[in-house]
Amino acid sequence: MHHVNRISSKNQVTLPKQVQDLLDVREGDYITYRIEDGRVYVTKVGLIPFDEIQKLKGKQKPD
């Protein structure tokens, strides 16, 4: 699968429908980006426990 997207004036891109379907993502879902060897990998984020979200936001000290 190969897609070309244009970056908007707000530095945003739209995931093509085929990619959305493949990742099973829809509006409101979270995705993560991993950059490795000049490539960007996009993965759907599953459910995150609330305490982990608080840690990411800096509201709690990490374990």
Protein backbone atom coordinates (compact mmCIF):
# COMPACT_ATOMS: atom_id res chain seq x y z
CA MET A 1 0.00 0.00 0.00
CA HIS A 2 1.34 3.43 -0.94
CA HIS A 3 -0.29 6.82 -0.33
CA VAL A 4 0.86 10.40 -0.78
CA ASN A 5 -0.58 13.13 1.43
CA ARG A 6 -0.17 16.88 1.52
CA ILE A 7 0.60 18.57 4.83
CA SER A 8 -1.98 21.25 5.65
CA SER A 9 -1.23 24.81 6.75
CA LYS A 10 -1.66 23.53 10.33
CA ASN A 11 0.93 20.76 9.73
CA GLN A 12 -1.78 18.10 9.71
CA VAL A 13 -2.31 15.09 7.47
CA THR A 14 -5.42 13.01 6.90
CA LEU A 15 -5.09 9.26 7.18
CA PRO A 16 -6.41 7.66 4.01
CA LYS A 17 -9.53 5.52 4.48
CA GLN A 18 -7.56 2.33 3.73
CA VAL A 19 -5.09 3.16 6.51
CA GLN A 20 -7.92 3.99 8.93
CA ASP A 21 -9.54 0.67 8.15
CA LEU A 22 -6.29 -1.25 8.47
CA LEU A 23 -5.55 0.31 11.88
CA ASP A 24 -9.22 0.16 12.89
CA VAL A 25 -9.16 3.83 13.96
CA ARG A 26 -11.91 6.42 13.93
CA GLU A 27 -12.46 9.95 15.14
CA GLY A 28 -11.40 10.35 18.77
CA ASP A 29 -9.02 7.37 18.80
CA TYR A 30 -5.35 7.84 19.66
CA ILE A 31 -2.40 6.81 17.53
CA THR A 32 1.30 6.79 18.29
CA TYR A 33 4.21 7.52 15.99
CA ARG A 34 7.55 5.77 16.19
CA ILE A 35 10.44 7.02 14.08
CA GLU A 36 13.13 4.51 13.22
CA ASP A 37 15.78 4.57 10.51
CA GLY A 38 14.08 7.45 8.68
CA ARG A 39 10.68 5.74 8.68
CA VAL A 40 7.57 6.62 10.64
CA TYR A 41 5.46 3.82 12.07
CA VAL A 42 1.86 4.57 13.05
CA THR A 43 0.09 2.36 15.58
CA LYS A 44 -3.31 2.53 17.22
CA VAL A 45 -3.10 3.12 20.95
CA GLY A 46 -5.17 0.71 23.02
CA LEU A 47 -6.76 1.51 26.33
CA ILE A 48 -4.39 3.26 28.72
CA PRO A 49 -4.96 2.97 32.48
CA PHE A 50 -5.88 6.32 34.04
CA ASP A 51 -2.86 6.37 36.37
CA GLU A 52 -0.55 5.96 33.37
CA ILE A 53 -2.20 8.93 31.66
CA GLN A 54 -1.66 10.98 34.81
CA LYS A 55 2.04 10.02 34.78
CA LEU A 56 2.35 11.07 31.15
CA LYS A 57 0.77 14.41 31.99
CA GLY A 58 3.22 14.85 34.88
CA LYS A 59 0.50 14.79 37.55
CA GLN A 60 2.01 11.78 39.33
CA LYS A 61 5.53 10.66 39.97
CA PRO A 62 6.62 7.63 37.91
CA ASP A 63 7.07 4.31 39.75
